[in-house]
Protein backbone atom coordinates (compact mmCIF):
# COMPACT_ATOMS: atom_id res chain seq x y z
CA UNK A 1 0.00 0.00 0.00
CA UNK A 2 1.11 3.58 -0.59
CA UNK A 3 -1.45 5.47 1.49
CA UNK A 4 0.04 7.79 4.08
CA UNK A 5 -1.11 9.16 7.41
CA UNK A 6 0.07 12.66 8.30
CA UNK A 7 -0.39 13.57 11.96
CA UNK A 8 -0.01 17.32 12.47
CA UNK A 9 3.57 18.16 13.32
CA UNK A 10 4.95 14.76 12.32
CA UNK A 11 6.12 12.91 9.23
CA UNK A 12 3.76 10.95 7.03
CA UNK A 13 3.48 7.28 7.89
CA UNK A 14 3.08 4.92 4.98
CA UNK A 15 0.04 2.77 5.62
CA UNK A 16 1.61 -0.60 4.98
CA UNK A 17 2.69 -3.80 6.68
CA UNK A 18 6.47 -3.93 6.45
CA UNK A 19 8.81 -6.41 8.12
CA UNK A 20 12.49 -5.57 7.67
CA UNK A 21 14.08 -7.45 10.59
CA UNK A 22 13.42 -10.53 12.66
CA UNK A 23 10.71 -9.92 15.25
CA UNK A 24 11.93 -8.58 17.61
CA UNK A 25 14.63 -6.59 15.85
CA UNK A 26 17.97 -5.72 17.45
CA UNK A 27 16.94 -2.33 18.83
CA UNK A 28 13.77 -3.79 20.36
CA UNK A 29 15.79 -6.63 21.85
CA UNK A 30 18.18 -4.15 23.45
CA UNK A 31 15.29 -2.09 24.83
CA UNK A 32 13.60 -5.21 26.18
CA UNK A 33 16.79 -6.07 28.04
CA UNK A 34 16.73 -2.57 29.58
CA UNK A 35 13.05 -2.98 30.39
CA UNK A 36 13.73 -6.25 32.20
CA UNK A 37 16.40 -4.55 34.32
CA UNK A 38 14.36 -1.46 35.14
CA UNK A 39 10.64 -2.33 35.11
CA UNK A 40 8.83 -4.62 37.53
CA UNK A 41 8.51 -8.06 35.96
CA UNK A 42 4.77 -8.08 36.71
CA UNK A 43 4.33 -5.46 33.98
CA UNK A 44 4.21 -7.68 30.91
CA UNK A 45 3.95 -6.89 27.22
CA UNK A 46 1.97 -8.55 24.43
CA UNK A 47 4.40 -7.66 21.67
CA UNK A 48 8.21 -7.99 21.92
CA UNK A 49 8.75 -4.72 20.01
CA UNK A 50 9.07 -1.08 21.03
CA UNK A 51 7.00 1.56 19.25
CA UNK A 52 8.58 4.62 17.66
CA UNK A 53 5.64 6.16 15.79
CA UNK A 54 2.03 5.38 14.94
CA UNK A 55 -0.84 6.77 12.92
CA UNK A 56 -3.77 5.73 10.77
CA UNK A 57 -3.75 1.95 11.04
CA UNK A 58 -0.06 1.24 11.68
CA UNK A 59 2.47 1.14 14.50
CA UNK A 60 6.14 1.46 13.49
CA UNK A 61 8.78 0.01 15.80
CA UNK A 62 12.29 1.22 16.55
CA UNK A 63 13.73 -1.20 13.97
CA UNK A 64 11.59 0.16 11.13
CA UNK A 65 9.00 -2.65 11.09
CA UNK A 66 5.48 -1.42 10.37
CA UNK A 67 2.64 -3.38 12.00
CA UNK A 68 -1.03 -3.34 11.10
CA UNK A 69 -2.75 -2.20 14.29
CA UNK A 70 -5.82 -4.27 15.15
CA UNK A 71 -5.66 -3.37 18.84
CA UNK A 72 -5.74 0.44 19.20
CA UNK A 73 -3.87 0.21 22.50
CA UNK A 74 -6.88 -1.77 23.83
CA UNK A 75 -9.54 0.46 22.24
CA UNK A 76 -7.87 3.72 23.28
CA UNK A 77 -6.82 5.29 19.97
CA UNK A 78 -10.21 5.06 18.30
CA UNK A 79 -9.63 8.33 16.44
CA UNK A 80 -6.22 7.04 15.35
CA UNK A 81 -2.81 7.66 16.87
CA UNK A 82 -1.73 11.32 16.84
CA UNK A 83 -5.02 12.34 15.23
CA UNK A 84 -4.59 15.86 13.81
CA UNK A 85 -7.25 17.60 15.92
CA UNK A 86 -5.91 15.94 19.07
CA UNK A 87 -2.30 16.90 18.31
CA UNK A 88 -3.25 20.53 17.66
CA UNK A 89 -5.36 20.77 20.81
CA UNK A 90 -2.72 19.19 23.03
CA UNK A 91 0.07 21.40 21.67
CA UNK A 92 -1.98 24.53 22.27
CA UNK A 93 -2.90 23.49 25.81
CA UNK A 94 0.68 22.54 26.74
CA UNK A 95 1.79 26.00 25.66
CA UNK A 96 -0.89 27.63 27.82
CA UNK A 97 -0.60 25.62 31.07
CA UNK A 98 -0.14 21.97 31.98
CA UNK A 99 -1.85 21.75 35.38
CA UNK A 100 -3.53 23.77 38.10
CA UNK A 101 -5.75 21.08 39.68
CA UNK A 102 -9.42 21.65 38.87
CA UNK A 103 -10.24 21.56 42.59
CA UNK A 104 -7.92 24.54 43.20
CA UNK A 105 -8.25 26.85 40.20
CA UNK A 106 -10.71 25.39 37.68
CA UNK A 107 -10.63 25.80 33.91
CA UNK A 108 -13.30 25.76 31.25
CA UNK A 109 -12.16 22.66 29.33
CA UNK A 110 -13.15 20.40 32.25
CA UNK A 111 -16.60 21.97 32.24
CA UNK A 112 -16.88 21.62 28.47
CA UNK A 113 -15.97 17.91 28.60
CA UNK A 114 -18.63 17.41 31.26
CA UNK A 115 -21.17 19.25 29.11
CA UNK A 116 -20.32 17.05 26.10
CA UNK A 117 -20.67 13.87 28.14
CA UNK A 118 -23.98 15.03 29.60
CA UNK A 119 -25.20 15.69 26.07
CA UNK A 120 -23.94 12.52 24.38
CA UNK A 121 -24.61 9.77 26.91
CA UNK A 122 -28.00 8.00 26.69
CA UNK A 123 -31.07 9.71 28.12
CA UNK A 124 -32.55 13.20 28.06
CA UNK A 125 -32.66 13.63 31.85
CA UNK A 126 -30.57 16.21 33.69
CA UNK A 127 -27.04 14.90 34.20
CA UNK A 128 -23.78 15.63 35.96
CA UNK A 129 -20.26 14.40 35.22
CA UNK A 130 -17.00 14.06 37.13
CA UNK A 131 -13.59 13.42 35.57
CA UNK A 132 -10.81 11.08 36.69
CA UNK A 133 -7.72 9.39 35.24
CA UNK A 134 -8.35 5.70 34.56
CA UNK A 135 -11.25 3.38 33.93
CA UNK A 136 -10.73 1.62 37.25
CA UNK A 137 -10.75 4.94 39.10
CA UNK A 138 -14.00 5.93 37.41
CA UNK A 139 -15.60 2.58 38.27
CA UNK A 140 -14.61 3.02 41.91
CA UNK A 141 -16.19 6.47 41.97
CA UNK A 142 -19.36 5.21 40.33
CA UNK A 143 -19.69 2.66 43.15
CA UNK A 144 -18.97 5.35 45.75
CA UNK A 145 -21.70 7.56 44.30
CA UNK A 146 -24.24 4.72 44.14
CA UNK A 147 -23.60 3.77 47.77
CA UNK A 148 -23.81 7.38 48.89
CA UNK A 149 -27.07 7.96 47.02
CA UNK A 150 -28.85 4.77 48.09
CA UNK A 151 -27.45 4.38 51.58
CA UNK A 152 -26.87 0.70 50.74
CA UNK A 153 -23.62 -1.23 50.34
CA UNK A 154 -24.02 -4.36 48.19
CA UNK A 155 -22.93 -4.34 44.53
CA UNK A 156 -23.60 -6.99 41.89
CA UNK A 157 -21.18 -7.65 39.04
CA UNK A 158 -21.30 -10.48 36.50
CA UNK A 159 -19.50 -13.60 35.38
CA UNK A 160 -16.69 -12.84 32.88
CA UNK A 161 -16.63 -9.18 33.96
CA UNK A 162 -13.55 -6.98 33.89
CA UNK A 163 -13.66 -3.63 35.68
CA UNK A 164 -10.04 -2.91 36.63
CA UNK A 165 -7.02 -3.77 38.79
CA UNK A 166 -7.49 -1.64 41.92
CA UNK A 167 -8.70 -3.38 45.07
CA UNK A 168 -12.40 -2.67 44.60
CA UNK A 169 -12.33 -3.25 40.86
CA UNK A 170 -10.43 -6.52 41.31
CA UNK A 171 -13.33 -7.63 43.48
CA UNK A 172 -15.71 -6.72 40.65
CA UNK A 173 -13.53 -8.46 38.04
CA UNK A 174 -14.29 -12.16 37.55
CA UNK A 175 -11.04 -13.64 36.22
CA UNK A 176 -8.43 -14.64 38.76
CA UNK A 177 -5.26 -14.90 36.64
CA UNK A 178 -3.60 -12.56 36.05
CA UNK A 179 -5.80 -9.90 37.62
CA UNK A 180 -6.64 -11.11 41.14
CA UNK A 181 -4.50 -14.08 42.12
CA UNK A 182 -2.50 -13.39 45.26
CA UNK A 183 -3.75 -9.83 45.72
CA UNK A 184 -6.55 -10.33 48.25
CA UNK A 185 -8.34 -9.76 50.49
CA UNK A 186 -10.68 -7.78 48.30
CA UNK A 187 -13.36 -5.21 49.01
CA UNK A 188 -16.45 -6.60 50.70
CA UNK A 189 -20.13 -6.61 49.72
CA UNK A 190 -19.42 -7.61 46.11
CA UNK A 191 -21.63 -10.34 44.62
CA UNK A 192 -21.57 -12.09 41.25
CA UNK A 193 -24.50 -12.96 38.99
CA UNK A 194 -24.55 -15.12 35.83
CA UNK A 195 -24.05 -13.22 32.59
CA UNK A 196 -25.97 -13.83 29.39
CA UNK A 197 -23.50 -15.71 27.13
CA UNK A 198 -25.56 -16.95 24.18
CA UNK A 199 -22.82 -19.10 22.63
CA UNK A 200 -22.32 -20.98 25.90
CA UNK A 201 -25.67 -20.93 27.72
CA UNK A 202 -28.17 -20.91 24.83
CA UNK A 203 -30.62 -18.81 26.83
CA UNK A 204 -32.83 -16.02 25.55
CA UNK A 205 -32.25 -12.60 27.02
CA UNK A 206 -35.43 -12.85 29.06
CA UNK A 207 -34.48 -16.23 30.51
CA UNK A 208 -30.90 -15.16 31.24
CA UNK A 209 -32.19 -12.04 33.01
CA UNK A 210 -34.68 -14.11 35.01
CA UNK A 211 -31.84 -16.39 36.14
CA UNK A 212 -29.66 -13.44 37.17
CA UNK A 213 -32.45 -11.56 38.94
CA UNK A 214 -33.49 -14.70 40.83
CA UNK A 215 -29.94 -15.08 42.13
CA UNK A 216 -29.76 -11.42 43.10
CA UNK A 217 -33.05 -11.54 44.99
CA UNK A 218 -32.20 -14.77 46.81
CA UNK A 219 -28.53 -14.17 47.62
CA UNK A 220 -28.32 -10.39 48.00
CA UNK A 221 -31.77 -8.83 48.28
CA UNK A 222 -32.88 -5.62 46.65
CA UNK A 223 -33.13 -3.85 50.00
CA UNK A 224 -29.37 -4.32 50.46
CA UNK A 225 -28.29 -3.59 46.88
CA UNK A 226 -26.78 -0.24 45.94
CA UNK A 227 -25.86 -0.97 42.33
CA UNK A 228 -25.66 -3.38 39.45
CA UNK A 229 -22.61 -2.83 37.24
CA UNK A 230 -22.30 -4.45 33.81
CA UNK A 231 -20.42 -3.96 30.55
CA UNK A 232 -23.01 -3.71 27.72
CA UNK A 233 -20.54 -5.83 25.73
CA UNK A 234 -18.00 -7.52 27.96
CA UNK A 235 -14.42 -6.70 27.05
CA UNK A 236 -11.69 -8.79 28.65
CA UNK A 237 -14.26 -11.52 29.30
CA UNK A 238 -14.43 -12.26 25.59
CA UNK A 239 -16.50 -9.56 23.84
CA UNK A 240 -19.63 -11.30 25.07
CA UNK A 241 -22.76 -9.67 23.65
CA UNK A 242 -25.72 -10.49 25.91
CA UNK A 243 -28.85 -11.84 24.27
CA UNK A 244 -31.45 -9.26 23.24
CA UNK A 245 -33.59 -8.24 26.18
CA UNK A 246 -31.12 -9.15 28.92
CA UNK A 247 -29.94 -5.60 29.65
CA UNK A 248 -33.40 -3.95 29.41
CA UNK A 249 -34.79 -6.49 31.90
CA UNK A 250 -32.00 -5.68 34.36
CA UNK A 251 -32.56 -1.94 33.93
CA UNK A 252 -36.29 -2.34 34.56
CA UNK A 253 -35.70 -4.46 37.67
CA UNK A 254 -33.14 -2.01 39.03
CA UNK A 255 -35.43 0.96 38.47
CA UNK A 256 -38.34 -0.78 40.18
CA UNK A 257 -36.24 -1.71 43.19
CA UNK A 258 -34.29 1.51 43.77
CA UNK A 259 -30.99 0.06 42.56
CA UNK A 260 -28.50 2.19 40.59
CA UNK A 261 -27.75 0.67 37.16
CA UNK A 262 -24.15 1.38 36.11
CA UNK A 263 -23.04 0.76 32.52
CA UNK A 264 -19.28 0.27 32.30
CA UNK A 265 -18.64 1.67 28.81
CA UNK A 266 -14.89 1.99 29.29
CA UNK A 267 -14.14 -0.25 26.28
CA UNK A 268 -17.42 0.09 24.38
CA UNK A 269 -17.80 3.87 24.47
CA UNK A 270 -17.07 6.53 21.86
CA UNK A 271 -18.22 5.08 18.54
CA UNK A 272 -16.44 1.77 19.10
CA UNK A 273 -19.57 -0.37 18.61
CA UNK A 274 -21.09 1.65 15.78
CA UNK A 275 -23.03 3.99 18.06
CA UNK A 276 -21.57 6.56 20.41
CA UNK A 277 -22.31 4.22 23.33
CA UNK A 278 -23.12 0.51 23.30
CA UNK A 279 -26.11 1.05 25.58
CA UNK A 280 -27.87 2.62 22.61
CA UNK A 281 -28.11 -0.72 20.78
CA UNK A 282 -30.85 -1.85 23.17
CA UNK A 283 -32.15 1.62 23.99
CA UNK A 284 -31.25 1.33 27.66
CA UNK A 285 -30.66 4.43 29.76
CA UNK A 286 -28.20 3.71 32.58
CA UNK A 287 -28.29 5.71 35.80
CA UNK A 288 -24.50 6.11 35.55
CA UNK A 289 -22.23 5.63 32.52
CA UNK A 290 -18.51 5.01 33.08
CA UNK A 291 -16.15 6.07 30.28
CA UNK A 292 -12.40 6.05 29.63
CA UNK A 293 -10.11 4.53 26.94
CA UNK A 294 -11.33 6.15 23.69
CA UNK A 295 -12.37 9.39 25.37
CA UNK A 296 -9.17 11.39 24.81
CA UNK A 297 -7.25 10.01 21.85
CA UNK A 298 -4.60 8.29 23.99
CA UNK A 299 -4.30 10.65 26.95
CA UNK A 300 -5.34 9.44 30.41
CA UNK A 301 -8.88 10.54 31.18
CA UNK A 302 -12.02 8.88 32.49
CA UNK A 303 -15.44 9.98 33.65
CA UNK A 304 -18.68 9.10 35.31
CA UNK A 305 -21.85 10.66 33.93
CA UNK A 306 -25.23 10.14 35.52
CA UNK A 307 -28.51 11.40 36.79
CA UNK A 308 -28.11 14.76 38.49
CA UNK A 309 -29.87 13.64 41.66
CA UNK A 310 -27.49 10.68 42.02
CA UNK A 311 -24.21 12.48 41.40
CA UNK A 312 -25.24 15.53 43.42
CA UNK A 313 -26.10 13.37 46.44
CA UNK A 314 -22.43 13.05 47.40
CA UNK A 315 -21.04 15.74 49.71
CA UNK A 316 -18.75 18.45 48.33
CA UNK A 317 -15.16 17.23 48.32
CA UNK A 318 -16.24 13.59 48.17
CA UNK A 319 -15.17 13.26 44.54
CA UNK A 320 -11.99 14.46 42.89
CA UNK A 321 -8.26 13.83 42.63
CA UNK A 322 -5.11 15.82 41.94
CA UNK A 323 -4.89 14.92 38.25
CA UNK A 324 -8.57 14.24 37.53
CA UNK A 325 -9.63 16.10 34.41
CA UNK A 326 -6.10 17.31 33.66
CA UNK A 327 -6.30 20.24 31.19
CA UNK A 328 -4.17 18.53 28.53
CA UNK A 329 -6.36 15.42 28.66
CA UNK A 330 -9.49 17.58 28.53
CA UNK A 331 -8.20 19.40 25.44
CA UNK A 332 -7.51 16.03 23.83
CA UNK A 333 -10.97 14.77 24.75
CA UNK A 334 -12.74 17.73 23.18
CA UNK A 335 -10.73 17.25 19.98
CA UNK A 336 -11.36 13.49 19.98
CA UNK A 337 -15.10 13.93 20.49
CA UNK A 338 -15.19 16.44 17.63
CA UNK A 339 -13.38 13.90 15.46
CA UNK A 340 -15.79 11.07 16.32
CA UNK A 341 -18.72 13.26 15.31
CA UNK A 342 -17.36 15.25 12.37
CA UNK A 343 -15.64 12.26 10.73
CA UNK A 344 -18.59 9.90 11.39
CA UNK A 345 -16.38 7.34 13.07
CA UNK A 346 -19.46 5.45 14.26
CA UNK A 347 -20.20 4.85 10.59
CA UNK A 348 -16.61 3.76 10.09
CA UNK A 349 -17.04 1.27 12.95
CA UNK A 350 -20.10 -0.22 11.26
CA UNK A 351 -18.16 -0.65 8.01
CA UNK A 352 -15.35 -2.35 9.91
CA UNK A 353 -17.90 -4.69 11.48
CA UNK A 354 -19.29 -5.64 8.08
CA UNK A 355 -15.83 -6.49 6.77
CA UNK A 356 -14.73 -8.50 9.81
CA UNK A 357 -17.96 -10.46 10.16
CA UNK A 358 -18.22 -11.27 6.47
CA UNK A 359 -14.62 -12.49 6.20
CA UNK A 360 -14.73 -14.65 9.31
CA UNK A 361 -18.18 -16.03 8.52
CA UNK A 362 -16.81 -17.28 5.20
CA UNK A 363 -13.92 -18.88 7.06
CA UNK A 364 -16.21 -20.38 9.69
CA UNK A 365 -18.20 -22.15 6.98
CA UNK A 366 -15.16 -24.30 6.20
CA UNK A 367 -13.30 -24.26 9.54
CA UNK A 368 -15.23 -25.61 12.56
CA UNK A 369 -12.49 -24.36 14.90
CA UNK A 370 -14.18 -20.96 14.64
CA UNK A 371 -16.88 -21.51 17.21
CA UNK A 372 -18.40 -18.04 17.39
CA UNK A 373 -18.12 -14.62 15.76
CA UNK A 374 -19.64 -11.83 17.81
CA UNK A 375 -19.49 -8.17 18.72
CA UNK A 376 -20.59 -4.87 17.29
CA UNK A 377 -18.86 -2.20 15.26
CA UNK A 378 -15.08 -2.23 15.49
CA UNK A 379 -15.32 -4.51 18.54
CA UNK A 380 -15.48 -7.99 17.06
CA UNK A 381 -14.28 -11.28 18.53
CA UNK A 382 -13.65 -14.75 17.20
CA UNK A 383 -13.87 -17.63 19.69
CA UNK A 384 -11.80 -20.72 18.89
CA UNK A 385 -12.91 -24.17 19.99
CA UNK A 386 -12.13 -27.85 19.65
CA UNK A 387 -14.51 -28.83 16.84
CA UNK A 388 -15.15 -32.24 18.40
CA UNK A 389 -16.15 -31.03 21.86
CA UNK A 390 -16.82 -27.29 21.49
CA UNK A 391 -14.44 -26.79 24.41
CA UNK A 392 -12.32 -23.61 24.41
CA UNK A 393 -9.02 -23.93 22.55
CA UNK A 394 -6.60 -21.53 24.20
CA UNK A 395 -3.55 -23.17 22.64
CA UNK A 396 -4.83 -22.55 19.11
CA UNK A 397 -5.66 -18.97 20.01
CA UNK A 398 -2.16 -18.32 21.34
CA UNK A 399 -0.57 -19.92 18.27
CA UNK A 400 -2.61 -17.76 15.90
CA UNK A 401 -1.79 -14.59 17.84
CA UNK A 402 1.95 -15.37 17.88
CA UNK A 403 1.97 -16.04 14.15
CA UNK A 404 0.18 -12.74 13.50
CA UNK A 405 2.70 -10.84 15.59
CA UNK A 406 5.61 -12.38 13.70
CA UNK A 407 3.92 -11.53 10.39
CA UNK A 408 3.38 -7.89 11.29
CA UNK A 409 -0.16 -7.69 12.67
CA UNK A 410 -1.03 -6.60 16.21
CA UNK A 411 -3.88 -8.72 17.59
CA UNK A 412 -5.06 -9.15 21.18
CA UNK A 413 -6.42 -12.21 22.93
CA UNK A 414 -9.03 -12.24 25.69
CA UNK A 415 -11.77 -14.34 27.24
CA UNK A 416 -12.25 -16.15 30.52
CA UNK A 417 -10.91 -19.28 28.84
CA UNK A 418 -8.16 -17.52 26.85
CA UNK A 419 -9.62 -18.69 23.54
CA UNK A 420 -10.77 -15.44 21.94
CA UNK A 421 -9.02 -13.07 19.54
CA UNK A 422 -10.50 -9.58 19.72
CA UNK A 423 -10.37 -7.04 16.94
CA UNK A 424 -10.18 -3.39 17.98
CA UNK A 425 -8.72 -1.52 15.00
CA UNK A 426 -8.54 2.26 15.08
CA UNK A 427 -11.64 3.62 13.42
CA UNK A 428 -9.32 5.50 11.04
CA UNK A 429 -7.79 2.34 9.58
CA UNK A 430 -7.79 2.27 5.75
CA UNK A 431 -10.03 -0.42 4.25
CA UNK A 432 -7.23 -2.11 2.34
CA UNK A 433 -5.04 -2.29 5.45
CA UNK A 434 -7.87 -3.89 7.44
CA UNK A 435 -8.40 -6.45 4.68
CA UNK A 436 -4.70 -7.29 4.64
CA UNK A 437 -4.67 -7.70 8.40
CA UNK A 438 -7.56 -10.15 8.19
CA UNK A 439 -5.69 -12.06 5.47
CA UNK A 440 -2.77 -12.50 7.84
CA UNK A 441 -5.01 -13.73 10.67
CA UNK A 442 -6.75 -16.25 8.41
CA UNK A 443 -3.42 -17.50 7.07
CA UNK A 444 -2.15 -17.91 10.62
CA UNK A 445 -5.26 -19.90 11.50
CA UNK A 446 -4.90 -22.10 8.43
CA UNK A 447 -1.27 -22.83 9.29
CA UNK A 448 -1.79 -23.33 13.02
């Protein structure tokens, strides 16, 4: 390919897959040796290469290899790396001031981000927002707000859930390794309900919701329950899309019983699923929406947005943080949101979905190792199984991912059973580059 990506202030990046050294190359190997001497070993890496530049649909490493990016830094660079509006906004803000702490001397960009979130998140009710740094921090604050508002303590999360790595969010997260093992004890009053997983449980949304609600009523009790928190499409758990009707039934039950319904849209938010927020696919209106990842084009920012009466119930000073809503991140967020809207990146996500689903459906017709293809927008997963037993095949998944990495394509694995490859390309990826990336994945599967 000869297409180029030209981030403002930087050189054009040719939009091509290009392997010029062994993977990893010598400079990456040297940097990895330094990393192993300087960085805690618990901080792992998926790829054995070090990035030097990125843009459009490629990441270029320090050895000159150019990788097709089907991961977006785990759904963070939805607008593309170094997107022009984001670069311009960040450069202007850095020149003005880098930090004051919004709780000391506030600035208008924080307010404008809050206004945008209040406008864009589902529902026409009056809303408030608060800004933080990471998805886990936002989840923790959503739980704090729900407990403060309801005066209750219990929280229900779901099988296969991932909500973060802090103590409370580890308790909410379902998977032990690598997220929870050895790190307890965890926060109390956290309960787990069964998730709708159509490929594995075969239940309708109504039946799956009935099962979950029955467990909640019997084992927790609505009078003790502050909040239900759920990802509209589960991320780390395997891009599990609940059956139609599951989420609306939970929302209705929560509303009837005075329980705060929290939608964790950290991975699904900001055009990723073909709508601005995944909750829109089933027309649900959460009481609180948690956002992060794609919100600011790669800068650390997160938020909670919810009903005014819920967020305003917490005492002044109860929410905040030194870096929360940093002015540089806020400038990036405003530019990223403008890009999502003006460039119709939700439409781009739907086109990416059509390409991914069509290509893998054709492959599935002749390869029974592809057990399931699911997701929405540019958030698509392929679950690999043993064709004889339908049991998860984590070894095949790992082999395919390794082969893709060696061939110059960044792919990510996920799933409770480690048998899912997830596709999260930047919404700016050129069509031909996406098609080539899929070719590489299918070749890796054929050769595995």
